[in-house]
Amino acid sequence: QDHLGSGFPRASRLSGSTSASAMAAETEMVKLKSSQGEIFQVEPDVACMSTLIKNMVDDSGTDEEIPLPNVKTAILSKVIDYCKYHKDSPPEEIQKPLKSTNLIECGVSEWDAEYVNIEQEVLFEIILAANYLDIKTLLDLTCAK
């Protein structure tokens, strides 16, 4: 009986914290709206890598969706991918002037180098989005390319 008694509260405490954090995560998601009306639900620490979005969240909280009229759905999706990847591992600062046209030789991670290995037109749109959203590390990366 002692064994059951000691194991049970641990399990209930665990499930209690899980549901509490799940509920918190549900209510605290930041809703970003692309120029085409698509809504992306993003964790606050991911969305707030953008200084623009961070300021909007600080001013009015996470209840309202945040319209991003200058960012198309496909580009917003790429920007969110970048922010999700770097949420827990901020990129190294890119040394300027660039020593090489090979980004990896300039200290850029393989993931980042692959991220910007895209068509020039898409790269340009990500540069504009990074500038508008004020995500310095993404702007530095895309401009280095």
N, C-alpha and C. Protein backbone atom coordinates (compact mmCIF):
# COMPACT_ATOMS: atom_id res chain seq x y z
N GLN A 1 0.84 -1.20 0.00
CA GLN A 1 0.00 0.00 0.00
C GLN A 1 0.88 1.26 0.00
N ASP A 2 1.93 1.21 0.77
CA ASP A 2 2.83 2.36 0.83
C ASP A 2 3.37 2.69 -0.56
N HIS A 3 3.73 1.64 -1.31
CA HIS A 3 4.26 1.83 -2.66
C HIS A 3 3.24 2.54 -3.56
N LEU A 4 2.00 2.06 -3.53
CA LEU A 4 0.94 2.68 -4.34
C LEU A 4 0.73 4.12 -3.92
N GLY A 5 0.70 4.33 -2.61
CA GLY A 5 0.46 5.68 -2.09
C GLY A 5 1.53 6.65 -2.54
N SER A 6 2.79 6.22 -2.52
CA SER A 6 3.86 7.14 -2.89
C SER A 6 3.92 7.35 -4.41
N GLY A 7 3.52 6.34 -5.18
CA GLY A 7 3.56 6.48 -6.64
C GLY A 7 2.42 7.29 -7.19
N PHE A 8 1.27 7.19 -6.55
CA PHE A 8 0.07 7.83 -7.09
C PHE A 8 0.16 9.36 -7.14
N PRO A 9 0.53 10.01 -6.03
CA PRO A 9 0.57 11.48 -6.09
C PRO A 9 1.53 11.98 -7.16
N ARG A 10 2.65 11.25 -7.32
CA ARG A 10 3.60 11.66 -8.34
C ARG A 10 2.93 11.67 -9.71
N ALA A 11 2.18 10.62 -10.00
CA ALA A 11 1.51 10.52 -11.30
C ALA A 11 0.47 11.61 -11.46
N SER A 12 -0.32 11.86 -10.41
CA SER A 12 -1.37 12.87 -10.54
C SER A 12 -0.74 14.26 -10.66
N ARG A 13 0.34 14.48 -9.93
CA ARG A 13 1.01 15.76 -10.02
C ARG A 13 1.54 15.96 -11.44
N LEU A 14 2.09 14.91 -12.00
CA LEU A 14 2.62 14.97 -13.36
C LEU A 14 1.52 15.29 -14.36
N SER A 15 0.41 14.55 -14.29
CA SER A 15 -0.66 14.78 -15.26
C SER A 15 -1.28 16.16 -15.03
N GLY A 16 -1.32 16.60 -13.78
CA GLY A 16 -1.87 17.93 -13.49
C GLY A 16 -1.03 19.01 -14.16
N SER A 17 0.28 18.88 -14.04
CA SER A 17 1.14 19.90 -14.63
C SER A 17 1.09 19.84 -16.15
N THR A 18 0.92 18.64 -16.69
CA THR A 18 0.84 18.51 -18.14
C THR A 18 -0.38 19.23 -18.68
N SER A 19 -1.54 18.98 -18.06
CA SER A 19 -2.76 19.61 -18.57
C SER A 19 -2.71 21.12 -18.35
N ALA A 20 -2.11 21.55 -17.25
CA ALA A 20 -2.01 22.99 -16.99
C ALA A 20 -1.14 23.65 -18.06
N SER A 21 -0.01 23.02 -18.37
CA SER A 21 0.87 23.62 -19.37
C SER A 21 0.25 23.52 -20.77
N ALA A 22 -0.50 22.46 -21.01
CA ALA A 22 -1.18 22.32 -22.30
C ALA A 22 -2.22 23.42 -22.46
N MET A 23 -2.95 23.68 -21.38
CA MET A 23 -3.96 24.74 -21.43
C MET A 23 -3.28 26.09 -21.63
N ALA A 24 -2.18 26.31 -20.91
CA ALA A 24 -1.46 27.57 -21.02
C ALA A 24 -0.96 27.75 -22.45
N ALA A 25 -0.43 26.68 -23.01
CA ALA A 25 0.10 26.75 -24.38
C ALA A 25 -1.02 27.08 -25.36
N GLU A 26 -2.20 26.51 -25.12
CA GLU A 26 -3.32 26.75 -26.01
C GLU A 26 -3.72 28.22 -26.01
N THR A 27 -3.77 28.83 -24.83
CA THR A 27 -4.25 30.20 -24.73
C THR A 27 -3.17 31.21 -25.09
N GLU A 28 -1.90 30.84 -24.94
CA GLU A 28 -0.85 31.83 -25.11
C GLU A 28 -0.25 31.87 -26.51
N MET A 29 -0.75 31.05 -27.42
CA MET A 29 -0.18 31.07 -28.77
C MET A 29 -0.40 32.45 -29.41
N VAL A 30 0.59 32.90 -30.15
CA VAL A 30 0.47 34.16 -30.88
C VAL A 30 -0.07 33.81 -32.26
N LYS A 31 -1.10 34.54 -32.69
CA LYS A 31 -1.71 34.29 -34.00
C LYS A 31 -1.21 35.33 -34.99
N LEU A 32 -0.47 34.85 -35.99
CA LEU A 32 0.08 35.74 -37.01
C LEU A 32 -0.73 35.55 -38.29
N LYS A 33 -1.13 36.67 -38.88
CA LYS A 33 -1.97 36.60 -40.08
C LYS A 33 -1.18 37.13 -41.28
N SER A 34 -0.98 36.27 -42.27
CA SER A 34 -0.24 36.67 -43.47
C SER A 34 -1.07 37.63 -44.31
N SER A 35 -0.45 38.20 -45.33
CA SER A 35 -1.15 39.14 -46.20
C SER A 35 -2.30 38.46 -46.95
N GLN A 36 -2.23 37.11 -47.07
CA GLN A 36 -3.28 36.38 -47.78
C GLN A 36 -4.35 35.85 -46.82
N GLY A 37 -4.27 36.25 -45.55
CA GLY A 37 -5.30 35.89 -44.59
C GLY A 37 -5.09 34.57 -43.86
N GLU A 38 -3.98 33.89 -44.14
CA GLU A 38 -3.68 32.62 -43.47
C GLU A 38 -3.21 32.91 -42.04
N ILE A 39 -3.73 32.13 -41.09
CA ILE A 39 -3.35 32.31 -39.68
C ILE A 39 -2.34 31.25 -39.26
N PHE A 40 -1.25 31.69 -38.65
CA PHE A 40 -0.25 30.78 -38.10
C PHE A 40 -0.28 30.94 -36.58
N GLN A 41 -0.43 29.82 -35.86
CA GLN A 41 -0.37 29.87 -34.40
C GLN A 41 1.05 29.51 -33.99
N VAL A 42 1.69 30.43 -33.30
CA VAL A 42 3.11 30.29 -33.01
C VAL A 42 3.36 30.52 -31.52
N GLU A 43 4.30 29.76 -30.95
CA GLU A 43 4.67 29.97 -29.54
C GLU A 43 5.20 31.39 -29.38
N PRO A 44 4.88 32.05 -28.25
CA PRO A 44 5.33 33.43 -28.06
C PRO A 44 6.84 33.62 -28.18
N ASP A 45 7.65 32.69 -27.64
CA ASP A 45 9.10 32.89 -27.72
C ASP A 45 9.63 32.74 -29.14
N VAL A 46 8.88 32.04 -29.99
CA VAL A 46 9.24 31.94 -31.41
C VAL A 46 8.84 33.24 -32.11
N ALA A 47 7.59 33.66 -31.92
CA ALA A 47 7.08 34.87 -32.58
C ALA A 47 7.87 36.11 -32.14
N CYS A 48 8.28 36.14 -30.88
CA CYS A 48 8.94 37.33 -30.34
C CYS A 48 10.41 37.46 -30.72
N MET A 49 10.90 36.55 -31.57
CA MET A 49 12.23 36.76 -32.16
C MET A 49 12.14 37.96 -33.11
N SER A 50 10.92 38.27 -33.53
CA SER A 50 10.65 39.47 -34.32
C SER A 50 10.41 40.62 -33.35
N THR A 51 11.23 41.67 -33.44
CA THR A 51 11.06 42.83 -32.56
C THR A 51 9.70 43.48 -32.80
N LEU A 52 9.26 43.53 -34.05
CA LEU A 52 7.95 44.11 -34.38
C LEU A 52 6.84 43.35 -33.64
N ILE A 53 6.85 42.02 -33.75
CA ILE A 53 5.81 41.21 -33.12
C ILE A 53 5.93 41.29 -31.60
N LYS A 54 7.17 41.26 -31.08
CA LYS A 54 7.37 41.35 -29.63
C LYS A 54 6.74 42.63 -29.09
N ASN A 55 6.96 43.75 -29.77
CA ASN A 55 6.39 45.03 -29.32
C ASN A 55 4.87 44.99 -29.37
N MET A 56 4.30 44.38 -30.42
CA MET A 56 2.84 44.28 -30.53
C MET A 56 2.28 43.41 -29.41
N VAL A 57 2.95 42.29 -29.11
CA VAL A 57 2.50 41.39 -28.04
C VAL A 57 2.62 42.11 -26.69
N ASP A 58 3.72 42.84 -26.49
CA ASP A 58 3.90 43.59 -25.24
C ASP A 58 2.80 44.63 -25.06
N ASP A 59 2.40 45.27 -26.17
CA ASP A 59 1.37 46.32 -26.11
C ASP A 59 -0.03 45.76 -25.92
N SER A 60 -0.39 44.70 -26.66
CA SER A 60 -1.79 44.27 -26.64
C SER A 60 -2.00 42.80 -26.33
N GLY A 61 -0.96 42.10 -25.89
CA GLY A 61 -1.12 40.70 -25.49
C GLY A 61 -1.25 39.77 -26.68
N THR A 62 -1.63 38.51 -26.40
CA THR A 62 -1.66 37.49 -27.45
C THR A 62 -3.07 37.14 -27.89
N ASP A 63 -4.08 37.85 -27.37
CA ASP A 63 -5.47 37.51 -27.71
C ASP A 63 -5.81 37.82 -29.17
N GLU A 64 -5.39 38.98 -29.63
CA GLU A 64 -5.72 39.41 -30.99
C GLU A 64 -4.75 38.77 -31.99
N GLU A 65 -5.26 38.52 -33.20
CA GLU A 65 -4.33 38.06 -34.24
C GLU A 65 -3.54 39.28 -34.71
N ILE A 66 -2.31 39.04 -35.09
CA ILE A 66 -1.42 40.12 -35.52
C ILE A 66 -1.35 40.11 -37.04
N PRO A 67 -1.92 41.14 -37.68
CA PRO A 67 -1.88 41.18 -39.15
C PRO A 67 -0.48 41.58 -39.64
N LEU A 68 0.01 40.84 -40.63
CA LEU A 68 1.31 41.15 -41.23
C LEU A 68 1.08 41.38 -42.73
N PRO A 69 0.54 42.56 -43.08
CA PRO A 69 0.13 42.81 -44.46
C PRO A 69 1.27 42.78 -45.47
N ASN A 70 2.51 42.87 -45.01
CA ASN A 70 3.65 42.87 -45.94
C ASN A 70 4.27 41.50 -46.14
N VAL A 71 3.69 40.45 -45.53
CA VAL A 71 4.33 39.13 -45.59
C VAL A 71 3.36 38.08 -46.13
N LYS A 72 3.73 37.49 -47.28
CA LYS A 72 2.89 36.45 -47.89
C LYS A 72 2.99 35.16 -47.08
N THR A 73 1.98 34.30 -47.25
CA THR A 73 1.89 33.04 -46.51
C THR A 73 3.16 32.19 -46.63
N ALA A 74 3.63 31.96 -47.85
CA ALA A 74 4.80 31.08 -48.05
C ALA A 74 6.04 31.65 -47.37
N ILE A 75 6.19 32.96 -47.40
CA ILE A 75 7.36 33.61 -46.81
C ILE A 75 7.25 33.59 -45.29
N LEU A 76 6.05 33.86 -44.77
CA LEU A 76 5.84 33.82 -43.31
C LEU A 76 6.15 32.42 -42.78
N SER A 77 5.75 31.42 -43.52
CA SER A 77 6.02 30.03 -43.13
C SER A 77 7.53 29.78 -43.04
N LYS A 78 8.29 30.27 -44.02
CA LYS A 78 9.76 30.12 -44.01
C LYS A 78 10.38 30.88 -42.82
N VAL A 79 9.87 32.08 -42.56
CA VAL A 79 10.40 32.88 -41.45
C VAL A 79 10.13 32.16 -40.12
N ILE A 80 8.92 31.60 -39.96
CA ILE A 80 8.57 30.87 -38.74
C ILE A 80 9.48 29.65 -38.57
N ASP A 81 9.77 28.95 -39.69
CA ASP A 81 10.70 27.80 -39.63
C ASP A 81 12.04 28.24 -39.05
N TYR A 82 12.54 29.37 -39.53
CA TYR A 82 13.82 29.90 -39.06
C TYR A 82 13.75 30.19 -37.56
N CYS A 83 12.69 30.88 -37.15
CA CYS A 83 12.55 31.26 -35.74
C CYS A 83 12.39 30.05 -34.83
N LYS A 84 11.64 29.04 -35.30
CA LYS A 84 11.48 27.81 -34.50
C LYS A 84 12.84 27.14 -34.32
N TYR A 85 13.61 27.07 -35.40
CA TYR A 85 14.91 26.40 -35.33
C TYR A 85 15.84 27.13 -34.35
N HIS A 86 15.82 28.46 -34.39
CA HIS A 86 16.77 29.24 -33.60
C HIS A 86 16.24 29.68 -32.24
N LYS A 87 15.03 29.25 -31.89
CA LYS A 87 14.46 29.63 -30.60
C LYS A 87 15.39 29.22 -29.46
N ASP A 88 15.90 27.99 -29.50
CA ASP A 88 16.74 27.48 -28.43
C ASP A 88 18.23 27.53 -28.74
N SER A 89 18.57 27.84 -29.99
CA SER A 89 19.98 27.91 -30.36
C SER A 89 20.22 29.12 -31.25
N PRO A 90 20.42 30.29 -30.62
CA PRO A 90 20.62 31.51 -31.41
C PRO A 90 21.84 31.35 -32.32
N PRO A 91 21.75 31.87 -33.54
CA PRO A 91 22.87 31.73 -34.48
C PRO A 91 24.07 32.56 -34.05
N GLU A 92 25.24 32.10 -34.44
CA GLU A 92 26.46 32.88 -34.22
C GLU A 92 26.36 34.15 -35.07
N GLU A 93 26.98 35.22 -34.59
CA GLU A 93 26.99 36.43 -35.40
C GLU A 93 27.88 36.20 -36.62
N ILE A 94 27.42 36.64 -37.78
CA ILE A 94 28.18 36.46 -39.01
C ILE A 94 29.25 37.56 -39.07
N GLN A 95 30.51 37.14 -39.21
CA GLN A 95 31.61 38.11 -39.24
C GLN A 95 31.57 38.90 -40.54
N LYS A 96 31.69 40.21 -40.40
CA LYS A 96 31.75 41.07 -41.58
C LYS A 96 33.10 41.76 -41.58
N PRO A 97 33.72 42.02 -42.70
CA PRO A 97 33.26 41.61 -44.03
C PRO A 97 33.35 40.10 -44.21
N LEU A 98 32.54 39.59 -45.12
CA LEU A 98 32.52 38.15 -45.38
C LEU A 98 33.87 37.72 -45.94
N LYS A 99 34.42 36.63 -45.39
CA LYS A 99 35.73 36.13 -45.83
C LYS A 99 35.63 35.34 -47.13
N SER A 100 34.40 34.89 -47.44
CA SER A 100 34.24 33.96 -48.55
C SER A 100 32.80 34.01 -49.05
N THR A 101 32.57 33.52 -50.24
CA THR A 101 31.19 33.40 -50.72
C THR A 101 30.56 32.12 -50.17
N ASN A 102 31.38 31.25 -49.57
CA ASN A 102 30.88 30.04 -48.92
C ASN A 102 30.48 30.42 -47.49
N LEU A 103 29.17 30.42 -47.22
CA LEU A 103 28.68 30.88 -45.92
C LEU A 103 29.23 30.06 -44.75
N ILE A 104 29.41 28.76 -44.96
CA ILE A 104 29.91 27.91 -43.87
C ILE A 104 31.32 28.36 -43.46
N GLU A 105 32.13 28.79 -44.43
CA GLU A 105 33.47 29.31 -44.12
C GLU A 105 33.40 30.62 -43.35
N CYS A 106 32.24 31.27 -43.39
CA CYS A 106 32.05 32.55 -42.68
C CYS A 106 31.45 32.33 -41.29
N GLY A 107 31.38 31.07 -40.87
CA GLY A 107 30.87 30.78 -39.54
C GLY A 107 29.37 30.52 -39.48
N VAL A 108 28.73 30.41 -40.63
CA VAL A 108 27.29 30.14 -40.68
C VAL A 108 27.07 28.64 -40.51
N SER A 109 26.06 28.27 -39.73
CA SER A 109 25.78 26.84 -39.52
C SER A 109 25.30 26.20 -40.81
N GLU A 110 25.44 24.88 -40.87
CA GLU A 110 25.00 24.15 -42.06
C GLU A 110 23.50 24.35 -42.29
N TRP A 111 22.73 24.35 -41.20
CA TRP A 111 21.27 24.52 -41.31
C TRP A 111 20.95 25.87 -41.94
N ASP A 112 21.63 26.93 -41.46
CA ASP A 112 21.39 28.28 -41.99
C ASP A 112 21.82 28.39 -43.45
N ALA A 113 22.96 27.79 -43.77
CA ALA A 113 23.46 27.84 -45.15
C ALA A 113 22.46 27.15 -46.08
N GLU A 114 21.91 26.03 -45.63
CA GLU A 114 20.91 25.30 -46.42
C GLU A 114 19.62 26.10 -46.52
N TYR A 115 19.26 26.78 -45.42
CA TYR A 115 18.03 27.59 -45.36
C TYR A 115 18.01 28.66 -46.46
N VAL A 116 19.16 29.28 -46.71
CA VAL A 116 19.21 30.35 -47.71
C VAL A 116 19.65 29.85 -49.09
N ASN A 117 19.77 28.53 -49.23
CA ASN A 117 20.11 27.95 -50.53
C ASN A 117 18.82 27.82 -51.34
N ILE A 118 18.29 28.97 -51.74
CA ILE A 118 16.96 29.03 -52.37
C ILE A 118 17.01 29.98 -53.56
N GLU A 119 15.91 30.03 -54.30
CA GLU A 119 15.84 30.93 -55.46
C GLU A 119 16.00 32.38 -54.99
N GLN A 120 16.64 33.16 -55.84
CA GLN A 120 16.92 34.56 -55.52
C GLN A 120 15.64 35.33 -55.18
N GLU A 121 14.57 35.07 -55.90
CA GLU A 121 13.31 35.79 -55.68
C GLU A 121 12.76 35.53 -54.28
N VAL A 122 12.81 34.26 -53.85
CA VAL A 122 12.33 33.89 -52.51
C VAL A 122 13.24 34.51 -51.45
N LEU A 123 14.55 34.43 -51.70
CA LEU A 123 15.53 35.02 -50.79
C LEU A 123 15.24 36.51 -50.59
N PHE A 124 14.96 37.20 -51.70
CA PHE A 124 14.69 38.63 -51.64
C PHE A 124 13.44 38.91 -50.80
N GLU A 125 12.41 38.08 -50.97
CA GLU A 125 11.18 38.27 -50.18
C GLU A 125 11.43 38.01 -48.70
N ILE A 126 12.31 37.05 -48.40
CA ILE A 126 12.64 36.79 -46.99
C ILE A 126 13.43 37.97 -46.42
N ILE A 127 14.31 38.56 -47.22
CA ILE A 127 15.05 39.76 -46.78
C ILE A 127 14.06 40.86 -46.41
N LEU A 128 13.08 41.10 -47.29
CA LEU A 128 12.08 42.14 -47.03
C LEU A 128 11.28 41.82 -45.76
N ALA A 129 10.90 40.55 -45.60
CA ALA A 129 10.13 40.14 -44.42
C ALA A 129 10.96 40.28 -43.15
N ALA A 130 12.23 39.86 -43.20
CA ALA A 130 13.11 39.96 -42.03
C ALA A 130 13.31 41.42 -41.63
N ASN A 131 13.40 42.28 -42.61
CA ASN A 131 13.55 43.71 -42.36
C ASN A 131 12.27 44.27 -41.74
N TYR A 132 11.13 43.96 -42.34
CA TYR A 132 9.83 44.44 -41.86
C TYR A 132 9.54 43.93 -40.45
N LEU A 133 9.80 42.63 -40.23
CA LEU A 133 9.52 42.01 -38.93
C LEU A 133 10.60 42.33 -37.89
N ASP A 134 11.71 42.88 -38.35
CA ASP A 134 12.83 43.24 -37.49
C ASP A 134 13.40 42.01 -36.78
N ILE A 135 13.89 41.08 -37.60
CA ILE A 135 14.58 39.89 -37.09
C ILE A 135 16.03 40.00 -37.57
N LYS A 136 16.87 40.60 -36.72
CA LYS A 136 18.23 40.97 -37.15
C LYS A 136 19.05 39.78 -37.64
N THR A 137 19.01 38.65 -36.91
CA THR A 137 19.85 37.52 -37.31
C THR A 137 19.44 36.96 -38.66
N LEU A 138 18.14 36.97 -38.94
CA LEU A 138 17.66 36.48 -40.24
C LEU A 138 18.04 37.47 -41.34
N LEU A 139 17.94 38.75 -41.05
CA LEU A 139 18.32 39.77 -42.02
C LEU A 139 19.81 39.66 -42.34
N ASP A 140 20.64 39.49 -41.31
CA ASP A 140 22.09 39.34 -41.53
C ASP A 140 22.38 38.11 -42.39
N LEU A 141 21.72 37.00 -42.08
CA LEU A 141 21.94 35.76 -42.82
C LEU A 141 21.54 35.91 -44.29
N THR A 142 20.35 36.44 -44.53
CA THR A 142 19.85 36.53 -45.91
C THR A 142 20.65 37.55 -46.71
N CYS A 143 21.10 38.61 -46.07
CA CYS A 143 21.91 39.60 -46.79
C CYS A 143 23.32 39.08 -47.07
N ALA A 144 23.82 38.21 -46.20
CA ALA A 144 25.16 37.62 -46.41
C ALA A 144 25.14 36.74 -47.65
N LYS A 145 24.00 36.10 -47.91
CA LYS A 145 23.87 35.20 -49.06
C LYS A 145 24.00 36.01 -50.33
